[in-house]
Amino acid sequence: MLTVSGELRQWHKVTVDLLGPITSEAATPNPFSDYRFVAVFSHVGAPEVRFRVPGYYAADGNAGETSAVAGRVFRAHLSPPHTGGWTVTVEFTEGVDVAVAGGGTPVSGLHGASASFDVLASDKSNATRDFRAKGMLLPVAGER
């Protein structure tokens, strides 16, 4: 199962959760090294706008509060730079050290899972001094 949550607005954090195999920090296969989760985000109106975001093992999805060491949530985040329709497609593979080495075997039922969502314009303004009002910080050539 793949879920998309967060404030679905431009420059706001969008979270994708994948319910993967039940595992724990000390399990074999190890969720940090032996599974590889990549969320591929694509803008519907501009297919060339594509982001491959490495995901991570999030235990029960709330480990910061519960101190859980086991669960089945794998998570990735994106701050979408464009409004409109988006799709996210999962690449989920397993194998020894696949998280670092790449490759691996696609996990049936998880690899290729996808979801769609719509992103609205940000509701932040310069008056609120919120960085999302102006978007991403970019370097300026020749300036510090």
C-alpha atoms as a PDB file:
ATOM      1  CA  MET A   1       0.000   0.000   0.000  1.00  0.00           C
ATOM      2  CA  LEU A   2       1.267   3.450  -0.967  1.00  0.00           C
ATOM      3  CA  THR A   3      -0.022   6.630   0.681  1.00  0.00           C
ATOM      4  CA  VAL A   4       0.674  10.282  -0.027  1.00  0.00           C
ATOM      5  CA  SER A   5       0.253  12.787   2.810  1.00  0.00           C
ATOM      6  CA  GLY A   6       1.232  16.255   3.899  1.00  0.00           C
ATOM      7  CA  GLU A   7       0.122  19.688   2.808  1.00  0.00           C
ATOM      8  CA  LEU A   8      -0.125  19.108  -0.940  1.00  0.00           C
ATOM      9  CA  ARG A   9       1.124  22.557  -1.923  1.00  0.00           C
ATOM     10  CA  GLN A  10       4.078  23.861  -3.901  1.00  0.00           C
ATOM     11  CA  TRP A  11       7.292  23.897  -1.802  1.00  0.00           C
ATOM     12  CA  HIS A  12       5.595  22.158   1.151  1.00  0.00           C
ATOM     13  CA  LYS A  13       6.755  18.719   2.331  1.00  0.00           C
ATOM     14  CA  VAL A  14       4.907  15.819   0.703  1.00  0.00           C
ATOM     15  CA  THR A  15       5.441  12.427   2.335  1.00  0.00           C
ATOM     16  CA  VAL A  16       5.095   9.044   0.653  1.00  0.00           C
ATOM     17  CA  ASP A  17       4.728   5.972   2.861  1.00  0.00           C
ATOM     18  CA  LEU A  18       5.043   2.446   1.539  1.00  0.00           C
ATOM     19  CA  LEU A  19       3.894  -0.483   3.661  1.00  0.00           C
ATOM     20  CA  GLY A  20       6.667  -2.974   3.020  1.00  0.00           C
ATOM     21  CA  PRO A  21       7.693  -6.207   4.690  1.00  0.00           C
ATOM     22  CA  ILE A  22       7.457  -6.372   8.481  1.00  0.00           C
ATOM     23  CA  THR A  23      10.998  -6.118   9.776  1.00  0.00           C
ATOM     24  CA  SER A  24      13.143  -4.638  12.544  1.00  0.00           C
ATOM     25  CA  GLU A  25      16.457  -2.847  12.933  1.00  0.00           C
ATOM     26  CA  ALA A  26      18.259  -6.092  13.845  1.00  0.00           C
ATOM     27  CA  ALA A  27      16.489  -8.339  11.327  1.00  0.00           C
ATOM     28  CA  THR A  28      17.957 -10.290   8.456  1.00  0.00           C
ATOM     29  CA  PRO A  29      17.469  -9.086   5.798  1.00  0.00           C
ATOM     30  CA  ASN A  30      18.357  -5.718   7.329  1.00  0.00           C
ATOM     31  CA  PRO A  31      15.924  -2.894   6.407  1.00  0.00           C
ATOM     32  CA  PHE A  32      18.758  -0.339   6.135  1.00  0.00           C
ATOM     33  CA  SER A  33      21.097  -2.291   3.887  1.00  0.00           C
ATOM     34  CA  ASP A  34      19.189  -5.140   2.260  1.00  0.00           C
ATOM     35  CA  TYR A  35      16.173  -3.201   0.943  1.00  0.00           C
ATOM     36  CA  ARG A  36      16.326  -0.273  -1.473  1.00  0.00           C
ATOM     37  CA  PHE A  37      13.361   2.106  -1.699  1.00  0.00           C
ATOM     38  CA  VAL A  38      13.332   4.870  -4.304  1.00  0.00           C
ATOM     39  CA  ALA A  39      10.312   7.083  -4.955  1.00  0.00           C
ATOM     40  CA  VAL A  40      10.236   8.433  -8.511  1.00  0.00           C
ATOM     41  CA  PHE A  41       8.158  11.622  -8.716  1.00  0.00           C
ATOM     42  CA  SER A  42       7.015  12.858 -12.142  1.00  0.00           C
ATOM     43  CA  HIS A  43       5.057  15.972 -13.039  1.00  0.00           C
ATOM     44  CA  VAL A  44       2.095  15.031 -15.237  1.00  0.00           C
ATOM     45  CA  GLY A  45       2.222  18.195 -17.369  1.00  0.00           C
ATOM     46  CA  ALA A  46       5.993  18.078 -17.879  1.00  0.00           C
ATOM     47  CA  PRO A  47       7.366  14.520 -17.926  1.00  0.00           C
ATOM     48  CA  GLU A  48      10.928  15.877 -18.040  1.00  0.00           C
ATOM     49  CA  VAL A  49      10.377  17.162 -14.471  1.00  0.00           C
ATOM     50  CA  ARG A  50      11.326  14.006 -12.618  1.00  0.00           C
ATOM     51  CA  PHE A  51      12.897  13.381  -9.234  1.00  0.00           C
ATOM     52  CA  ARG A  52      14.377  10.108  -7.951  1.00  0.00           C
ATOM     53  CA  VAL A  53      14.229  10.345  -4.170  1.00  0.00           C
ATOM     54  CA  PRO A  54      15.929   7.694  -2.025  1.00  0.00           C
ATOM     55  CA  GLY A  55      13.630   6.570   0.760  1.00  0.00           C
ATOM     56  CA  TYR A  56      14.386   5.215   4.208  1.00  0.00           C
ATOM     57  CA  TYR A  57      13.111   2.674   6.721  1.00  0.00           C
ATOM     58  CA  ALA A  58      10.806   4.447   9.198  1.00  0.00           C
ATOM     59  CA  ALA A  59       9.923   1.469  11.463  1.00  0.00           C
ATOM     60  CA  ASP A  60       6.300   2.024  12.582  1.00  0.00           C
ATOM     61  CA  GLY A  61       6.157   5.446  10.899  1.00  0.00           C
ATOM     62  CA  ASN A  62       6.279   7.276  14.222  1.00  0.00           C
ATOM     63  CA  ALA A  63       9.504   5.993  15.781  1.00  0.00           C
ATOM     64  CA  GLY A  64      10.492   9.451  17.004  1.00  0.00           C
ATOM     65  CA  GLU A  65       7.554   9.327  19.401  1.00  0.00           C
ATOM     66  CA  THR A  66       7.220   5.582  20.031  1.00  0.00           C
ATOM     67  CA  SER A  67      10.921   4.567  19.951  1.00  0.00           C
ATOM     68  CA  ALA A  68       9.842   1.635  17.782  1.00  0.00           C
ATOM     69  CA  VAL A  69      12.579  -0.542  16.319  1.00  0.00           C
ATOM     70  CA  ALA A  70      10.224  -2.664  14.217  1.00  0.00           C
ATOM     71  CA  GLY A  71       7.524  -2.010  11.665  1.00  0.00           C
ATOM     72  CA  ARG A  72       6.873  -1.944   7.951  1.00  0.00           C
ATOM     73  CA  VAL A  73       6.897   1.712   6.897  1.00  0.00           C
ATOM     74  CA  PHE A  74       9.354   2.928   4.267  1.00  0.00           C
ATOM     75  CA  ARG A  75       9.222   6.683   3.630  1.00  0.00           C
ATOM     76  CA  ALA A  76      10.352   9.374   1.169  1.00  0.00           C
ATOM     77  CA  HIS A  77       9.771  13.134   0.954  1.00  0.00           C
ATOM     78  CA  LEU A  78       9.520  15.745  -1.799  1.00  0.00           C
ATOM     79  CA  SER A  79       8.949  19.494  -1.814  1.00  0.00           C
ATOM     80  CA  PRO A  80       7.297  19.807  -5.243  1.00  0.00           C
ATOM     81  CA  PRO A  81       8.578  22.787  -7.245  1.00  0.00           C
ATOM     82  CA  HIS A  82       5.530  22.897  -9.554  1.00  0.00           C
ATOM     83  CA  THR A  83       1.763  22.929  -9.109  1.00  0.00           C
ATOM     84  CA  GLY A  84      -0.491  20.488 -10.924  1.00  0.00           C
ATOM     85  CA  GLY A  85      -0.686  16.733 -11.214  1.00  0.00           C
ATOM     86  CA  TRP A  86       2.082  14.454  -9.998  1.00  0.00           C
ATOM     87  CA  THR A  87       2.639  10.714  -9.945  1.00  0.00           C
ATOM     88  CA  VAL A  88       4.939   8.726  -7.702  1.00  0.00           C
ATOM     89  CA  THR A  89       6.182   5.282  -8.684  1.00  0.00           C
ATOM     90  CA  VAL A  90       8.064   2.973  -6.340  1.00  0.00           C
ATOM     91  CA  GLU A  91      11.273   1.109  -7.014  1.00  0.00           C
ATOM     92  CA  PHE A  92      11.614  -1.446  -4.203  1.00  0.00           C
ATOM     93  CA  THR A  93      14.307  -4.105  -4.419  1.00  0.00           C
ATOM     94  CA  GLU A  94      15.962  -6.513  -2.018  1.00  0.00           C
ATOM     95  CA  GLY A  95      19.345  -8.212  -1.839  1.00  0.00           C
ATOM     96  CA  VAL A  96      22.524  -8.201   0.213  1.00  0.00           C
ATOM     97  CA  ASP A  97      23.757  -4.583   0.556  1.00  0.00           C
ATOM     98  CA  VAL A  98      21.403  -3.454  -2.232  1.00  0.00           C
ATOM     99  CA  ALA A  99      20.861  -0.071  -0.529  1.00  0.00           C
ATOM    100  CA  VAL A 100      24.485   0.861  -1.286  1.00  0.00           C
ATOM    101  CA  ALA A 101      25.459  -1.420  -4.169  1.00  0.00           C
ATOM    102  CA  GLY A 102      22.248  -1.080  -6.211  1.00  0.00           C
ATOM    103  CA  GLY A 103      20.744  -3.872  -8.265  1.00  0.00           C
ATOM    104  CA  GLY A 104      18.797  -6.454  -6.328  1.00  0.00           C
ATOM    105  CA  THR A 105      15.576  -8.273  -7.012  1.00  0.00           C
ATOM    106  CA  PRO A 106      12.290  -6.352  -7.377  1.00  0.00           C
ATOM    107  CA  VAL A 107       9.891  -7.166  -4.535  1.00  0.00           C
ATOM    108  CA  SER A 108       6.602  -8.403  -5.969  1.00  0.00           C
ATOM    109  CA  GLY A 109       3.583  -6.304  -5.023  1.00  0.00           C
ATOM    110  CA  LEU A 110       5.726  -3.314  -3.984  1.00  0.00           C
ATOM    111  CA  HIS A 111       8.041  -2.606  -6.918  1.00  0.00           C
ATOM    112  CA  GLY A 112       6.074  -0.563  -9.455  1.00  0.00           C
ATOM    113  CA  ALA A 113       3.348   0.585  -7.040  1.00  0.00           C
ATOM    114  CA  SER A 114       2.161   4.074  -7.907  1.00  0.00           C
ATOM    115  CA  ALA A 115      -0.125   6.872  -6.797  1.00  0.00           C
ATOM    116  CA  SER A 116      -1.244  10.233  -8.159  1.00  0.00           C
ATOM    117  CA  PHE A 117      -1.791  13.511  -6.362  1.00  0.00           C
ATOM    118  CA  ASP A 118      -2.425  17.188  -7.135  1.00  0.00           C
ATOM    119  CA  VAL A 119      -0.308  20.045  -5.832  1.00  0.00           C
ATOM    120  CA  LEU A 120      -1.855  23.469  -5.242  1.00  0.00           C
ATOM    121  CA  ALA A 121      -0.048  26.810  -5.091  1.00  0.00           C
ATOM    122  CA  SER A 122       1.572  27.668  -1.771  1.00  0.00           C
ATOM    123  CA  ASP A 123      -0.607  29.640   0.614  1.00  0.00           C
ATOM    124  CA  LYS A 124       2.408  31.367   2.201  1.00  0.00           C
ATOM    125  CA  SER A 125       3.252  35.014   1.600  1.00  0.00           C
ATOM    126  CA  ASN A 126       6.284  37.246   2.082  1.00  0.00           C
ATOM    127  CA  ALA A 127       4.423  38.876   4.970  1.00  0.00           C
ATOM    128  CA  THR A 128       4.557  35.631   6.962  1.00  0.00           C
ATOM    129  CA  ARG A 129       8.344  35.375   6.462  1.00  0.00           C
ATOM    130  CA  ASP A 130       7.896  31.767   5.400  1.00  0.00           C
ATOM    131  CA  PHE A 131      10.548  30.450   2.998  1.00  0.00           C
ATOM    132  CA  ARG A 132       7.900  28.613   1.009  1.00  0.00           C
ATOM    133  CA  ALA A 133       6.550  31.981  -0.235  1.00  0.00           C
ATOM    134  CA  LYS A 134       9.519  32.321  -2.614  1.00  0.00           C
ATOM    135  CA  GLY A 135      10.480  28.721  -3.263  1.00  0.00           C
ATOM    136  CA  MET A 136      13.847  27.032  -3.296  1.00  0.00           C
ATOM    137  CA  LEU A 137      17.075  28.832  -2.421  1.00  0.00           C
ATOM    138  CA  LEU A 138      19.390  28.893  -5.399  1.00  0.00           C
ATOM    139  CA  PRO A 139      22.999  30.074  -5.661  1.00  0.00           C
ATOM    140  CA  VAL A 140      23.682  33.380  -7.394  1.00  0.00           C
ATOM    141  CA  ALA A 141      26.762  33.331  -9.607  1.00  0.00           C
ATOM    142  CA  GLY A 142      29.569  35.488  -8.232  1.00  0.00           C
ATOM    143  CA  GLU A 143      27.862  36.139  -4.895  1.00  0.00           C
ATOM    144  CA  ARG A 144      28.168  34.598  -1.477  1.00  0.00           C
END
